[in-house]
Amino acid sequence: MTARNIDDFLLVGRISAAFGVRGELKISMISSHPEHIQKLKHLFVGDLSKPFTIGRLHQHKGSLYLLRLAEVDSREAAEAMQGLEVYIHRSDAAPLANDEYFLHDLVGLQVQTEAGEVIGQAAEIIETGANDVLVVRKLGQADILVPMVRAVVRSIDIAGGTITVTSLADIVPE
């Protein structure tokens, strides 16, 4: 099997435990479109080396789902997968609305103010629960944490490579 590029995949969950004796898996789903994943035929687990065939995927409790993979038929095999991450191929993702984006697509974009002042480059996204936080890095300076809320982030242009935010005075405490 050829090596796979992680950028071609989207993380959708993590296997939290085995369920039952026939190899079902409990998955903590992080996808905002789990109903779309239920329609897919394959997903990838762990090192992405091979696709697994989805036998069944259904909601258990809250963000926990039960997954049956055709290739996993015993509790022991399911237990060996505990803690592994679950991915789908990027081409299998649900279509995004105009104001939606994948978080990993923001990393590397130039961050600027509405006035056009370059603040730095998006280095990572921190998921806090309340709202995501964009870490903006500028060489030789301390990182700037930008809350990903509409009052601060004015626009995101993936194709243009920019994230536009309000003024630095609104973001950086004095």
C-alpha atoms as a PDB file:
ATOM      1  CA  MET A   1       0.000   0.000   0.000  1.00  0.00           C
ATOM      2  CA  THR A   2       1.335   3.442  -0.855  1.00  0.00           C
ATOM      3  CA  ALA A   3       1.874   6.086   1.794  1.00  0.00           C
ATOM      4  CA  ARG A   4      -1.090   8.406   2.283  1.00  0.00           C
ATOM      5  CA  ASN A   5      -0.938  12.158   2.750  1.00  0.00           C
ATOM      6  CA  ILE A   6      -2.600  13.163   6.038  1.00  0.00           C
ATOM      7  CA  ASP A   7      -3.772  16.406   4.384  1.00  0.00           C
ATOM      8  CA  ASP A   8      -6.124  14.308   2.234  1.00  0.00           C
ATOM      9  CA  PHE A   9      -8.015  13.137   5.331  1.00  0.00           C
ATOM     10  CA  LEU A  10     -10.316  14.680   7.925  1.00  0.00           C
ATOM     11  CA  LEU A  11     -10.383  13.580  11.552  1.00  0.00           C
ATOM     12  CA  VAL A  12     -13.974  12.713  12.492  1.00  0.00           C
ATOM     13  CA  GLY A  13     -13.605  10.869  15.796  1.00  0.00           C
ATOM     14  CA  ARG A  14     -11.648   8.666  18.156  1.00  0.00           C
ATOM     15  CA  ILE A  15     -12.334   5.091  19.202  1.00  0.00           C
ATOM     16  CA  SER A  16     -13.064   5.208  22.919  1.00  0.00           C
ATOM     17  CA  ALA A  17     -13.832   1.546  23.652  1.00  0.00           C
ATOM     18  CA  ALA A  18     -14.980  -1.824  22.411  1.00  0.00           C
ATOM     19  CA  PHE A  19     -18.717  -2.452  22.683  1.00  0.00           C
ATOM     20  CA  GLY A  20     -20.193  -5.918  23.038  1.00  0.00           C
ATOM     21  CA  VAL A  21     -18.563  -9.177  21.996  1.00  0.00           C
ATOM     22  CA  ARG A  22     -18.843  -8.956  18.205  1.00  0.00           C
ATOM     23  CA  GLY A  23     -16.304  -6.228  17.546  1.00  0.00           C
ATOM     24  CA  GLU A  24     -18.414  -3.084  17.668  1.00  0.00           C
ATOM     25  CA  LEU A  25     -16.593   0.121  18.545  1.00  0.00           C
ATOM     26  CA  LYS A  26     -17.649   3.150  20.582  1.00  0.00           C
ATOM     27  CA  ILE A  27     -16.567   6.315  18.818  1.00  0.00           C
ATOM     28  CA  SER A  28     -16.409   9.836  20.248  1.00  0.00           C
ATOM     29  CA  MET A  29     -17.505  11.730  17.154  1.00  0.00           C
ATOM     30  CA  ILE A  30     -16.157  15.230  16.526  1.00  0.00           C
ATOM     31  CA  SER A  31     -17.704  15.729  13.115  1.00  0.00           C
ATOM     32  CA  SER A  32     -20.402  18.370  12.780  1.00  0.00           C
ATOM     33  CA  HIS A  33     -22.071  16.166  10.142  1.00  0.00           C
ATOM     34  CA  PRO A  34     -22.209  12.622  11.596  1.00  0.00           C
ATOM     35  CA  GLU A  35     -25.337  11.901   9.550  1.00  0.00           C
ATOM     36  CA  HIS A  36     -23.224  12.298   6.418  1.00  0.00           C
ATOM     37  CA  ILE A  37     -20.617   9.825   7.673  1.00  0.00           C
ATOM     38  CA  GLN A  38     -23.398   7.267   8.204  1.00  0.00           C
ATOM     39  CA  LYS A  39     -23.926   7.286   4.409  1.00  0.00           C
ATOM     40  CA  LEU A  40     -20.289   6.488   3.559  1.00  0.00           C
ATOM     41  CA  LYS A  41     -18.979   3.047   2.657  1.00  0.00           C
ATOM     42  CA  HIS A  42     -15.421   3.409   4.022  1.00  0.00           C
ATOM     43  CA  LEU A  43     -13.383   5.199   6.663  1.00  0.00           C
ATOM     44  CA  PHE A  44      -9.800   5.015   7.843  1.00  0.00           C
ATOM     45  CA  VAL A  45      -8.478   4.182  11.307  1.00  0.00           C
ATOM     46  CA  GLY A  46      -5.104   4.870  12.889  1.00  0.00           C
ATOM     47  CA  ASP A  47      -2.247   5.052  10.383  1.00  0.00           C
ATOM     48  CA  LEU A  48      -4.527   5.438   7.313  1.00  0.00           C
ATOM     49  CA  SER A  49      -2.868   2.407   5.672  1.00  0.00           C
ATOM     50  CA  LYS A  50      -6.119   0.837   4.521  1.00  0.00           C
ATOM     51  CA  PRO A  51      -9.808   1.639   4.284  1.00  0.00           C
ATOM     52  CA  PHE A  52     -12.264  -0.110   6.591  1.00  0.00           C
ATOM     53  CA  THR A  53     -15.755  -0.980   5.374  1.00  0.00           C
ATOM     54  CA  ILE A  54     -18.551   0.564   7.428  1.00  0.00           C
ATOM     55  CA  GLY A  55     -21.112  -2.083   8.341  1.00  0.00           C
ATOM     56  CA  ARG A  56     -23.199   0.162  10.553  1.00  0.00           C
ATOM     57  CA  LEU A  57     -22.822   3.501  12.321  1.00  0.00           C
ATOM     58  CA  HIS A  58     -25.474   4.870  14.633  1.00  0.00           C
ATOM     59  CA  GLN A  59     -25.798   7.294  17.528  1.00  0.00           C
ATOM     60  CA  HIS A  60     -25.501   5.768  20.980  1.00  0.00           C
ATOM     61  CA  LYS A  61     -25.523   8.697  23.458  1.00  0.00           C
ATOM     62  CA  GLY A  62     -24.767  12.333  22.661  1.00  0.00           C
ATOM     63  CA  SER A  63     -21.570  12.442  20.594  1.00  0.00           C
ATOM     64  CA  LEU A  64     -20.915   8.716  21.160  1.00  0.00           C
ATOM     65  CA  TYR A  65     -21.623   6.478  18.188  1.00  0.00           C
ATOM     66  CA  LEU A  66     -21.457   2.730  17.732  1.00  0.00           C
ATOM     67  CA  LEU A  67     -19.515   1.578  14.698  1.00  0.00           C
ATOM     68  CA  ARG A  68     -19.451  -1.844  13.130  1.00  0.00           C
ATOM     69  CA  LEU A  69     -16.592  -2.452  10.679  1.00  0.00           C
ATOM     70  CA  ALA A  70     -16.725  -5.469   8.378  1.00  0.00           C
ATOM     71  CA  GLU A  71     -13.047  -6.223   9.097  1.00  0.00           C
ATOM     72  CA  VAL A  72     -13.448  -6.217  12.916  1.00  0.00           C
ATOM     73  CA  ASP A  73     -15.354  -9.251  14.190  1.00  0.00           C
ATOM     74  CA  SER A  74     -14.263  -9.819  17.791  1.00  0.00           C
ATOM     75  CA  ARG A  75     -14.082  -7.908  21.027  1.00  0.00           C
ATOM     76  CA  GLU A  76     -10.311  -8.506  21.114  1.00  0.00           C
ATOM     77  CA  ALA A  77      -9.851  -6.903  17.689  1.00  0.00           C
ATOM     78  CA  ALA A  78     -12.025  -3.972  18.777  1.00  0.00           C
ATOM     79  CA  GLU A  79     -10.081  -3.535  22.031  1.00  0.00           C
ATOM     80  CA  ALA A  80      -6.823  -3.369  20.047  1.00  0.00           C
ATOM     81  CA  MET A  81      -8.225  -0.310  18.242  1.00  0.00           C
ATOM     82  CA  GLN A  82      -9.063   1.651  21.408  1.00  0.00           C
ATOM     83  CA  GLY A  83      -7.641   5.184  21.317  1.00  0.00           C
ATOM     84  CA  LEU A  84      -7.099   5.228  17.540  1.00  0.00           C
ATOM     85  CA  GLU A  85      -8.301   8.177  15.496  1.00  0.00           C
ATOM     86  CA  VAL A  86     -10.971   7.783  12.823  1.00  0.00           C
ATOM     87  CA  TYR A  87     -10.717   9.635   9.499  1.00  0.00           C
ATOM     88  CA  ILE A  88     -12.627  10.034   6.272  1.00  0.00           C
ATOM     89  CA  HIS A  89     -11.101  10.969   2.946  1.00  0.00           C
ATOM     90  CA  ARG A  90     -11.443  14.694   2.258  1.00  0.00           C
ATOM     91  CA  SER A  91     -13.321  13.944  -0.973  1.00  0.00           C
ATOM     92  CA  ASP A  92     -15.985  12.101   1.081  1.00  0.00           C
ATOM     93  CA  ALA A  93     -16.712  15.099   3.339  1.00  0.00           C
ATOM     94  CA  ALA A  94     -20.126  16.741   3.392  1.00  0.00           C
ATOM     95  CA  PRO A  95     -20.267  19.864   1.218  1.00  0.00           C
ATOM     96  CA  LEU A  96     -19.531  23.017   3.184  1.00  0.00           C
ATOM     97  CA  ALA A  97     -21.869  26.002   3.338  1.00  0.00           C
ATOM     98  CA  ASN A  98     -20.492  29.384   2.218  1.00  0.00           C
ATOM     99  CA  ASP A  99     -19.574  30.394   5.785  1.00  0.00           C
ATOM    100  CA  GLU A 100     -18.098  27.006   6.764  1.00  0.00           C
ATOM    101  CA  TYR A 101     -14.496  25.820   6.562  1.00  0.00           C
ATOM    102  CA  PHE A 102     -12.272  23.070   7.861  1.00  0.00           C
ATOM    103  CA  LEU A 103     -10.172  24.276  10.804  1.00  0.00           C
ATOM    104  CA  HIS A 104      -6.963  22.832   9.395  1.00  0.00           C
ATOM    105  CA  ASP A 105      -7.470  24.929   6.229  1.00  0.00           C
ATOM    106  CA  LEU A 106      -6.895  28.079   8.312  1.00  0.00           C
ATOM    107  CA  VAL A 107      -3.357  27.129   9.342  1.00  0.00           C
ATOM    108  CA  GLY A 108      -0.859  29.033   7.231  1.00  0.00           C
ATOM    109  CA  LEU A 109      -3.222  31.838   6.199  1.00  0.00           C
ATOM    110  CA  GLN A 110      -2.086  35.448   6.606  1.00  0.00           C
ATOM    111  CA  VAL A 111      -3.958  37.292   9.355  1.00  0.00           C
ATOM    112  CA  GLN A 112      -4.554  40.994   8.808  1.00  0.00           C
ATOM    113  CA  THR A 113      -6.685  43.791  10.224  1.00  0.00           C
ATOM    114  CA  GLU A 114      -9.538  45.466   8.375  1.00  0.00           C
ATOM    115  CA  ALA A 115      -7.102  48.326   7.732  1.00  0.00           C
ATOM    116  CA  GLY A 116      -4.750  45.905   5.930  1.00  0.00           C
ATOM    117  CA  GLU A 117      -2.086  45.703   8.660  1.00  0.00           C
ATOM    118  CA  VAL A 118      -0.476  42.241   8.643  1.00  0.00           C
ATOM    119  CA  ILE A 119      -0.574  40.693  12.119  1.00  0.00           C
ATOM    120  CA  GLY A 120       1.088  37.369  11.289  1.00  0.00           C
ATOM    121  CA  GLN A 121       0.307  33.869  10.146  1.00  0.00           C
ATOM    122  CA  ALA A 122      -2.297  31.453  11.528  1.00  0.00           C
ATOM    123  CA  ALA A 123      -0.248  28.774  13.301  1.00  0.00           C
ATOM    124  CA  GLU A 124      -2.901  26.610  14.948  1.00  0.00           C
ATOM    125  CA  ILE A 125      -6.459  26.463  16.241  1.00  0.00           C
ATOM    126  CA  ILE A 126      -7.190  25.792  19.904  1.00  0.00           C
ATOM    127  CA  GLU A 127     -10.612  24.268  20.530  1.00  0.00           C
ATOM    128  CA  THR A 128     -11.762  25.592  23.908  1.00  0.00           C
ATOM    129  CA  GLY A 129     -15.388  24.519  24.008  1.00  0.00           C
ATOM    130  CA  ALA A 130     -16.881  28.008  24.170  1.00  0.00           C
ATOM    131  CA  ASN A 131     -15.278  29.156  20.931  1.00  0.00           C
ATOM    132  CA  ASP A 132     -12.183  28.274  18.962  1.00  0.00           C
ATOM    133  CA  VAL A 133      -9.059  30.417  19.357  1.00  0.00           C
ATOM    134  CA  LEU A 134      -6.730  31.207  16.467  1.00  0.00           C
ATOM    135  CA  VAL A 135      -3.027  31.318  17.376  1.00  0.00           C
ATOM    136  CA  VAL A 136      -1.331  33.961  15.228  1.00  0.00           C
ATOM    137  CA  ARG A 137       2.454  33.822  14.988  1.00  0.00           C
ATOM    138  CA  LYS A 138       4.788  36.578  13.856  1.00  0.00           C
ATOM    139  CA  LEU A 139       8.494  35.859  13.841  1.00  0.00           C
ATOM    140  CA  GLY A 140      10.300  37.373  16.821  1.00  0.00           C
ATOM    141  CA  GLN A 141       7.096  38.313  18.665  1.00  0.00           C
ATOM    142  CA  ALA A 142       4.793  36.660  21.167  1.00  0.00           C
ATOM    143  CA  ASP A 143       1.867  34.692  19.746  1.00  0.00           C
ATOM    144  CA  ILE A 144      -1.445  36.527  19.557  1.00  0.00           C
ATOM    145  CA  LEU A 145      -4.596  34.643  20.535  1.00  0.00           C
ATOM    146  CA  VAL A 146      -7.609  35.631  18.454  1.00  0.00           C
ATOM    147  CA  PRO A 147     -11.073  34.443  19.525  1.00  0.00           C
ATOM    148  CA  MET A 148     -12.882  32.940  16.536  1.00  0.00           C
ATOM    149  CA  VAL A 149     -16.098  34.915  16.980  1.00  0.00           C
ATOM    150  CA  ARG A 150     -17.880  37.066  14.393  1.00  0.00           C
ATOM    151  CA  ALA A 151     -17.274  40.258  16.381  1.00  0.00           C
ATOM    152  CA  VAL A 152     -13.505  39.766  15.961  1.00  0.00           C
ATOM    153  CA  VAL A 153     -13.040  37.691  12.795  1.00  0.00           C
ATOM    154  CA  ARG A 154     -14.573  39.701   9.956  1.00  0.00           C
ATOM    155  CA  SER A 155     -13.845  37.382   7.039  1.00  0.00           C
ATOM    156  CA  ILE A 156     -12.039  34.220   6.045  1.00  0.00           C
ATOM    157  CA  ASP A 157     -10.862  33.880   2.462  1.00  0.00           C
ATOM    158  CA  ILE A 158      -9.327  30.429   2.057  1.00  0.00           C
ATOM    159  CA  ALA A 159      -8.718  30.899  -1.683  1.00  0.00           C
ATOM    160  CA  GLY A 160      -7.165  34.335  -1.115  1.00  0.00           C
ATOM    161  CA  GLY A 161      -5.102  33.079   1.815  1.00  0.00           C
ATOM    162  CA  THR A 162      -6.292  35.665   4.354  1.00  0.00           C
ATOM    163  CA  ILE A 163      -8.173  36.010   7.597  1.00  0.00           C
ATOM    164  CA  THR A 164      -9.358  39.551   8.323  1.00  0.00           C
ATOM    165  CA  VAL A 165      -9.906  40.613  11.929  1.00  0.00           C
ATOM    166  CA  THR A 166     -10.863  43.820  13.702  1.00  0.00           C
ATOM    167  CA  SER A 167      -8.107  46.177  14.831  1.00  0.00           C
ATOM    168  CA  LEU A 168      -5.205  44.965  16.965  1.00  0.00           C
ATOM    169  CA  ALA A 169      -6.480  47.155  19.804  1.00  0.00           C
ATOM    170  CA  ASP A 170      -9.588  44.943  19.976  1.00  0.00           C
ATOM    171  CA  ILE A 171      -7.485  41.783  20.222  1.00  0.00           C
ATOM    172  CA  VAL A 172      -4.266  42.518  22.105  1.00  0.00           C
ATOM    173  CA  PRO A 173      -4.578  43.808  25.676  1.00  0.00           C
ATOM    174  CA  GLU A 174      -2.362  46.754  26.496  1.00  0.00           C
END
